[in-house]
PDB file of N, CA and C in Angstrom:
ATOM      1  N   MET A   1     112.788 108.979 106.621  1.00  0.00           N
ATOM      2  CA  MET A   1     112.664 107.688 105.950  1.00  0.00           C
ATOM      3  C   MET A   1     111.787 106.783 106.761  1.00  0.00           C
ATOM      4  N   ALA A   2     111.160 105.885 106.141  1.00  0.00           N
ATOM      5  CA  ALA A   2     110.296 104.908 106.819  1.00  0.00           C
ATOM      6  C   ALA A   2     110.579 103.518 106.259  1.00  0.00           C
ATOM      7  N   ALA A   3     110.288 102.553 107.074  1.00  0.00           N
ATOM      8  CA  ALA A   3     110.366 101.138 106.684  1.00  0.00           C
ATOM      9  C   ALA A   3     109.009 100.785 105.992  1.00  0.00           C
ATOM     10  N   TYR A   4     109.150 100.138 104.887  1.00  0.00           N
ATOM     11  CA  TYR A   4     107.958  99.803 104.124  1.00  0.00           C
ATOM     12  C   TYR A   4     107.875  98.275 103.885  1.00  0.00           C
ATOM     13  N   TYR A   5     106.615  97.810 103.791  1.00  0.00           N
ATOM     14  CA  TYR A   5     106.258  96.395 103.576  1.00  0.00           C
ATOM     15  C   TYR A   5     105.216  96.295 102.511  1.00  0.00           C
ATOM     16  N   VAL A   6     105.123  95.226 101.847  1.00  0.00           N
ATOM     17  CA  VAL A   6     104.038  94.976 100.860  1.00  0.00           C
ATOM     18  C   VAL A   6     103.273  93.700 101.359  1.00  0.00           C
ATOM     19  N   ASN A   7     101.994  93.826 101.235  1.00  0.00           N
ATOM     20  CA  ASN A   7     101.125  92.729 101.631  1.00  0.00           C
ATOM     21  C   ASN A   7     101.292  91.577 100.604  1.00  0.00           C
ATOM     22  N   LYS A   8     101.588  90.351 101.088  1.00  0.00           N
ATOM     23  CA  LYS A   8     101.700  89.214 100.222  1.00  0.00           C
ATOM     24  C   LYS A   8     100.358  88.758  99.670  1.00  0.00           C
ATOM     25  N   VAL A   9      99.305  89.100 100.401  1.00  0.00           N
ATOM     26  CA  VAL A   9      97.946  88.656 100.075  1.00  0.00           C
ATOM     27  C   VAL A   9      97.274  89.833  99.319  1.00  0.00           C
ATOM     28  N   ALA A  10      96.861  89.556  98.130  1.00  0.00           N
ATOM     29  CA  ALA A  10      96.226  90.632  97.304  1.00  0.00           C
ATOM     30  C   ALA A  10      94.833  90.921  97.802  1.00  0.00           C
ATOM     31  N   GLN A  11      94.468  92.231  97.599  1.00  0.00           N
ATOM     32  CA  GLN A  11      93.090  92.652  97.875  1.00  0.00           C
ATOM     33  C   GLN A  11      92.143  91.998  96.873  1.00  0.00           C
ATOM     34  N   ALA A  12      90.865  92.194  97.069  1.00  0.00           N
ATOM     35  CA  ALA A  12      89.875  91.571  96.201  1.00  0.00           C
ATOM     36  C   ALA A  12      90.072  92.043  94.739  1.00  0.00           C
ATOM     37  N   ASN A  13      90.598  93.228  94.549  1.00  0.00           N
ATOM     38  CA  ASN A  13      90.822  93.733  93.155  1.00  0.00           C
ATOM     39  C   ASN A  13      92.182  93.350  92.585  1.00  0.00           C
ATOM     40  N   GLY A  14      92.984  92.608  93.331  1.00  0.00           N
ATOM     41  CA  GLY A  14      94.241  92.111  92.874  1.00  0.00           C
ATOM     42  C   GLY A  14      95.490  92.944  93.336  1.00  0.00           C
ATOM     43  N   ASP A  15      95.224  94.073  93.996  1.00  0.00           N
ATOM     44  CA  ASP A  15      96.300  94.927  94.457  1.00  0.00           C
ATOM     45  C   ASP A  15      97.051  94.343  95.683  1.00  0.00           C
ATOM     46  N   HIS A  16      98.395  94.457  95.666  1.00  0.00           N
ATOM     47  CA  HIS A  16      99.190  94.169  96.792  1.00  0.00           C
ATOM     48  C   HIS A  16      99.569  95.532  97.406  1.00  0.00           C
ATOM     49  N   GLU A  17      99.061  95.802  98.581  1.00  0.00           N
ATOM     50  CA  GLU A  17      99.207  97.168  99.155  1.00  0.00           C
ATOM     51  C   GLU A  17     100.531  97.332  99.897  1.00  0.00           C
ATOM     52  N   VAL A  18     101.109  98.527  99.754  1.00  0.00           N
ATOM     53  CA  VAL A  18     102.372  98.921 100.340  1.00  0.00           C
ATOM     54  C   VAL A  18     102.007  99.683 101.648  1.00  0.00           C
ATOM     55  N   HIS A  19     102.649  99.339 102.781  1.00  0.00           N
ATOM     56  CA  HIS A  19     102.363  99.931 104.058  1.00  0.00           C
ATOM     57  C   HIS A  19     103.701 100.384 104.710  1.00  0.00           C
ATOM     58  N   THR A  20     103.611 101.370 105.616  1.00  0.00           N
ATOM     59  CA  THR A  20     104.748 101.712 106.474  1.00  0.00           C
ATOM     60  C   THR A  20     104.708 100.801 107.661  1.00  0.00           C
ATOM     61  N   SER A  21     105.822 100.724 108.384  1.00  0.00           N
ATOM     62  CA  SER A  21     105.883  99.836 109.593  1.00  0.00           C
ATOM     63  C   SER A  21     104.964 100.347 110.699  1.00  0.00           C
ATOM     64  N   SER A  22     104.576 101.599 110.661  1.00  0.00           N
ATOM     65  CA  SER A  22     103.711 102.140 111.727  1.00  0.00           C
ATOM     66  C   SER A  22     102.220 102.132 111.377  1.00  0.00           C
ATOM     67  N   CYS A  23     101.857 101.573 110.257  1.00  0.00           N
ATOM     68  CA  CYS A  23     100.482 101.605 109.770  1.00  0.00           C
ATOM     69  C   CYS A  23      99.601 100.704 110.659  1.00  0.00           C
ATOM     70  N   ASN A  24      98.406 101.222 110.974  1.00  0.00           N
ATOM     71  CA  ASN A  24      97.471 100.391 111.718  1.00  0.00           C
ATOM     72  C   ASN A  24      96.927  99.222 110.900  1.00  0.00           C
ATOM     73  N   TRP A  25      97.088  99.247 109.562  1.00  0.00           N
ATOM     74  CA  TRP A  25      96.626  98.233 108.670  1.00  0.00           C
ATOM     75  C   TRP A  25      97.726  97.343 108.200  1.00  0.00           C
ATOM     76  N   LEU A  26      98.914  97.441 108.821  1.00  0.00           N
ATOM     77  CA  LEU A  26     100.043  96.634 108.401  1.00  0.00           C
ATOM     78  C   LEU A  26      99.667  95.120 108.576  1.00  0.00           C
ATOM     79  N   PRO A  27      99.921  94.332 107.563  1.00  0.00           N
ATOM     80  CA  PRO A  27      99.623  92.894 107.648  1.00  0.00           C
ATOM     81  C   PRO A  27     100.407  92.187 108.716  1.00  0.00           C
ATOM     82  N   SER A  28      99.982  91.048 109.143  1.00  0.00           N
ATOM     83  CA  SER A  28     100.735  90.241 110.113  1.00  0.00           C
ATOM     84  C   SER A  28     102.037  89.818 109.492  1.00  0.00           C
ATOM     85  N   ASP A  29     102.986  89.396 110.359  1.00  0.00           N
ATOM     86  CA  ASP A  29     104.363  89.036 109.939  1.00  0.00           C
ATOM     87  C   ASP A  29     104.357  88.039 108.789  1.00  0.00           C
ATOM     88  N   GLY A  30     103.441  87.019 108.810  1.00  0.00           N
ATOM     89  CA  GLY A  30     103.486  86.054 107.797  1.00  0.00           C
ATOM     90  C   GLY A  30     102.898  86.489 106.475  1.00  0.00           C
ATOM     91  N   ASN A  31     102.190  87.605 106.465  1.00  0.00           N
ATOM     92  CA  ASN A  31     101.548  88.080 105.278  1.00  0.00           C
ATOM     93  C   ASN A  31     102.149  89.328 104.683  1.00  0.00           C
ATOM     94  N   ARG A  32     103.356  89.634 105.070  1.00  0.00           N
ATOM     95  CA  ARG A  32     104.060  90.842 104.556  1.00  0.00           C
ATOM     96  C   ARG A  32     105.441  90.551 104.120  1.00  0.00           C
ATOM     97  N   LEU A  33     105.933  91.337 103.177  1.00  0.00           N
ATOM     98  CA  LEU A  33     107.277  91.247 102.667  1.00  0.00           C
ATOM     99  C   LEU A  33     107.992  92.550 102.881  1.00  0.00           C
ATOM    100  N   TYR A  34     109.138  92.526 103.566  1.00  0.00           N
ATOM    101  CA  TYR A  34     109.876  93.690 103.906  1.00  0.00           C
ATOM    102  C   TYR A  34     110.502  94.266 102.601  1.00  0.00           C
ATOM    103  N   LEU A  35     110.316  95.572 102.367  1.00  0.00           N
ATOM    104  CA  LEU A  35     110.839  96.183 101.171  1.00  0.00           C
ATOM    105  C   LEU A  35     112.102  96.987 101.448  1.00  0.00           C
ATOM    106  N   GLY A  36     112.217  97.586 102.659  1.00  0.00           N
ATOM    107  CA  GLY A  36     113.310  98.401 102.991  1.00  0.00           C
ATOM    108  C   GLY A  36     112.911  99.789 103.464  1.00  0.00           C
ATOM    109  N   TYR A  37     113.921 100.637 103.711  1.00  0.00           N
ATOM    110  CA  TYR A  37     113.685 102.024 104.108  1.00  0.00           C
ATOM    111  C   TYR A  37     113.696 102.911 102.885  1.00  0.00           C
ATOM    112  N   PHE A  38     112.662 103.782 102.749  1.00  0.00           N
ATOM    113  CA  PHE A  38     112.557 104.677 101.617  1.00  0.00           C
ATOM    114  C   PHE A  38     112.163 106.048 102.084  1.00  0.00           C
ATOM    115  N   SER A  39     112.475 107.077 101.315  1.00  0.00           N
ATOM    116  CA  SER A  39     112.121 108.484 101.610  1.00  0.00           C
ATOM    117  C   SER A  39     110.640 108.751 101.208  1.00  0.00           C
ATOM    118  N   THR A  40     110.193 108.035 100.203  1.00  0.00           N
ATOM    119  CA  THR A  40     108.815 108.220  99.766  1.00  0.00           C
ATOM    120  C   THR A  40     108.054 106.935  99.483  1.00  0.00           C
ATOM    121  N   CYS A  41     106.768 106.973  99.466  1.00  0.00           N
ATOM    122  CA  CYS A  41     105.999 105.777  99.199  1.00  0.00           C
ATOM    123  C   CYS A  41     106.193 105.394  97.704  1.00  0.00           C
ATOM    124  N   GLY A  42     106.424 106.352  96.831  1.00  0.00           N
ATOM    125  CA  GLY A  42     106.721 106.051  95.457  1.00  0.00           C
ATOM    126  C   GLY A  42     107.867 105.127  95.264  1.00  0.00           C
ATOM    127  N   GLU A  43     108.928 105.367  96.022  1.00  0.00           N
ATOM    128  CA  GLU A  43     110.067 104.470  95.948  1.00  0.00           C
ATOM    129  C   GLU A  43     109.747 103.111  96.399  1.00  0.00           C
ATOM    130  N   ALA A  44     108.921 102.983  97.476  1.00  0.00           N
ATOM    131  CA  ALA A  44     108.495 101.737  98.036  1.00  0.00           C
ATOM    132  C   ALA A  44     107.614 101.000  97.036  1.00  0.00           C
ATOM    133  N   VAL A  45     106.711 101.642  96.368  1.00  0.00           N
ATOM    134  CA  VAL A  45     105.830 101.039  95.431  1.00  0.00           C
ATOM    135  C   VAL A  45     106.660 100.479  94.272  1.00  0.00           C
ATOM    136  N   ARG A  46     107.683 101.251  93.774  1.00  0.00           N
ATOM    137  CA  ARG A  46     108.533 100.737  92.748  1.00  0.00           C
ATOM    138  C   ARG A  46     109.276  99.480  93.148  1.00  0.00           C
ATOM    139  N   ALA A  47     109.716  99.415  94.402  1.00  0.00           N
ATOM    140  CA  ALA A  47     110.372  98.227  94.951  1.00  0.00           C
ATOM    141  C   ALA A  47     109.392  97.064  95.014  1.00  0.00           C
ATOM    142  N   ALA A  48     108.182  97.292  95.408  1.00  0.00           N
ATOM    143  CA  ALA A  48     107.158  96.291  95.489  1.00  0.00           C
ATOM    144  C   ALA A  48     106.859  95.708  94.095  1.00  0.00           C
ATOM    145  N   ARG A  49     106.925  96.489  93.075  1.00  0.00           N
ATOM    146  CA  ARG A  49     106.702  96.026  91.723  1.00  0.00           C
ATOM    147  C   ARG A  49     107.722  95.060  91.231  1.00  0.00           C
ATOM    148  N   LEU A  50     108.832  94.934  91.920  1.00  0.00           N
ATOM    149  CA  LEU A  50     109.819  93.891  91.595  1.00  0.00           C
ATOM    150  C   LEU A  50     109.320  92.549  91.994  1.00  0.00           C
ATOM    151  N   HIS A  51     108.293  92.528  92.913  1.00  0.00           N
ATOM    152  CA  HIS A  51     107.754  91.228  93.372  1.00  0.00           C
ATOM    153  C   HIS A  51     106.344  90.954  92.906  1.00  0.00           C
ATOM    154  N   TYR A  52     105.584  92.015  92.629  1.00  0.00           N
ATOM    155  CA  TYR A  52     104.188  91.877  92.224  1.00  0.00           C
ATOM    156  C   TYR A  52     103.872  92.869  91.087  1.00  0.00           C
ATOM    157  N   ASN A  53     103.101  92.475  90.132  1.00  0.00           N
ATOM    158  CA  ASN A  53     102.685  93.367  89.028  1.00  0.00           C
ATOM    159  C   ASN A  53     101.722  94.424  89.439  1.00  0.00           C
ATOM    160  N   GLN A  54     100.767  94.068  90.267  1.00  0.00           N
ATOM    161  CA  GLN A  54      99.672  94.953  90.609  1.00  0.00           C
ATOM    162  C   GLN A  54      99.909  95.460  92.060  1.00  0.00           C
ATOM    163  N   VAL A  55     100.347  96.669  92.242  1.00  0.00           N
ATOM    164  CA  VAL A  55     100.732  97.259  93.493  1.00  0.00           C
ATOM    165  C   VAL A  55     100.030  98.577  93.724  1.00  0.00           C
ATOM    166  N   ASN A  56      99.643  98.898  94.972  1.00  0.00           N
ATOM    167  CA  ASN A  56      98.993 100.136  95.290  1.00  0.00           C
ATOM    168  C   ASN A  56      99.442 100.577  96.655  1.00  0.00           C
ATOM    169  N   GLY A  57      99.500 101.857  96.912  1.00  0.00           N
ATOM    170  CA  GLY A  57      99.799 102.371  98.234  1.00  0.00           C
ATOM    171  C   GLY A  57      98.601 102.284  99.147  1.00  0.00           C
ATOM    172  N   CYS A  58      98.834 102.064 100.384  1.00  0.00           N
ATOM    173  CA  CYS A  58      97.741 102.003 101.422  1.00  0.00           C
ATOM    174  C   CYS A  58      97.077 103.398 101.485  1.00  0.00           C
ATOM    175  N   TYR A  59      95.783 103.363 101.561  1.00  0.00           N
ATOM    176  CA  TYR A  59      94.994 104.598 101.626  1.00  0.00           C
ATOM    177  C   TYR A  59      95.353 105.400 102.923  1.00  0.00           C
ATOM    178  N   TYR A  60      95.700 104.681 104.027  1.00  0.00           N
ATOM    179  CA  TYR A  60      95.937 105.312 105.290  1.00  0.00           C
ATOM    180  C   TYR A  60      97.384 105.763 105.519  1.00  0.00           C
ATOM    181  N   CYS A  61      98.310 104.986 105.117  1.00  0.00           N
ATOM    182  CA  CYS A  61      99.727 105.369 105.413  1.00  0.00           C
ATOM    183  C   CYS A  61     100.549 105.774 104.212  1.00  0.00           C
ATOM    184  N   SER A  62     100.050 105.492 103.022  1.00  0.00           N
ATOM    185  CA  SER A  62     100.807 105.811 101.795  1.00  0.00           C
ATOM    186  C   SER A  62      99.838 106.495 100.799  1.00  0.00           C
ATOM    187  N   ARG A  63      99.054 107.402 101.291  1.00  0.00           N
ATOM    188  CA  ARG A  63      97.953 108.024 100.504  1.00  0.00           C
ATOM    189  C   ARG A  63      98.440 108.651  99.206  1.00  0.00           C
ATOM    190  N   PRO A  64      99.617 109.328  99.176  1.00  0.00           N
ATOM    191  CA  PRO A  64     100.050 109.901  97.934  1.00  0.00           C
ATOM    192  C   PRO A  64     100.235 108.823  96.787  1.00  0.00           C
ATOM    193  N   CYS A  65     100.394 107.594  97.185  1.00  0.00           N
ATOM    194  CA  CYS A  65     100.644 106.497  96.174  1.00  0.00           C
ATOM    195  C   CYS A  65      99.362 105.643  96.055  1.00  0.00           C
ATOM    196  N   HIS A  66      98.307 106.009  96.692  1.00  0.00           N
ATOM    197  CA  HIS A  66      97.106 105.215  96.549  1.00  0.00           C
ATOM    198  C   HIS A  66      96.273 105.662  95.379  1.00  0.00           C
ATOM    199  N   THR A  67      95.906 104.734  94.502  1.00  0.00           N
ATOM    200  CA  THR A  67      95.072 104.976  93.411  1.00  0.00           C
ATOM    201  C   THR A  67      93.763 104.246  93.534  1.00  0.00           C
ATOM    202  N   GLN A  68      92.752 104.751  92.918  1.00  0.00           N
ATOM    203  CA  GLN A  68      91.405 104.109  93.100  1.00  0.00           C
ATOM    204  C   GLN A  68      91.097 103.227  91.930  1.00  0.00           C
TER     205      GLN A  68
END
């Protein structure tokens, strides 16, 4: 299991990216929302969708959930 966060600041395309706590691209404390511990990035993305309509997995730490 890993701790997941979602970026409060949307990317240029409107996506709020989901990251693990160990990701090199994890947003700063003020720009992220803690989602919890999950077994998969899919679970974390579903949790992030409770907060934001447009969500995507990080290409680097949540690649199975990253869409282009």
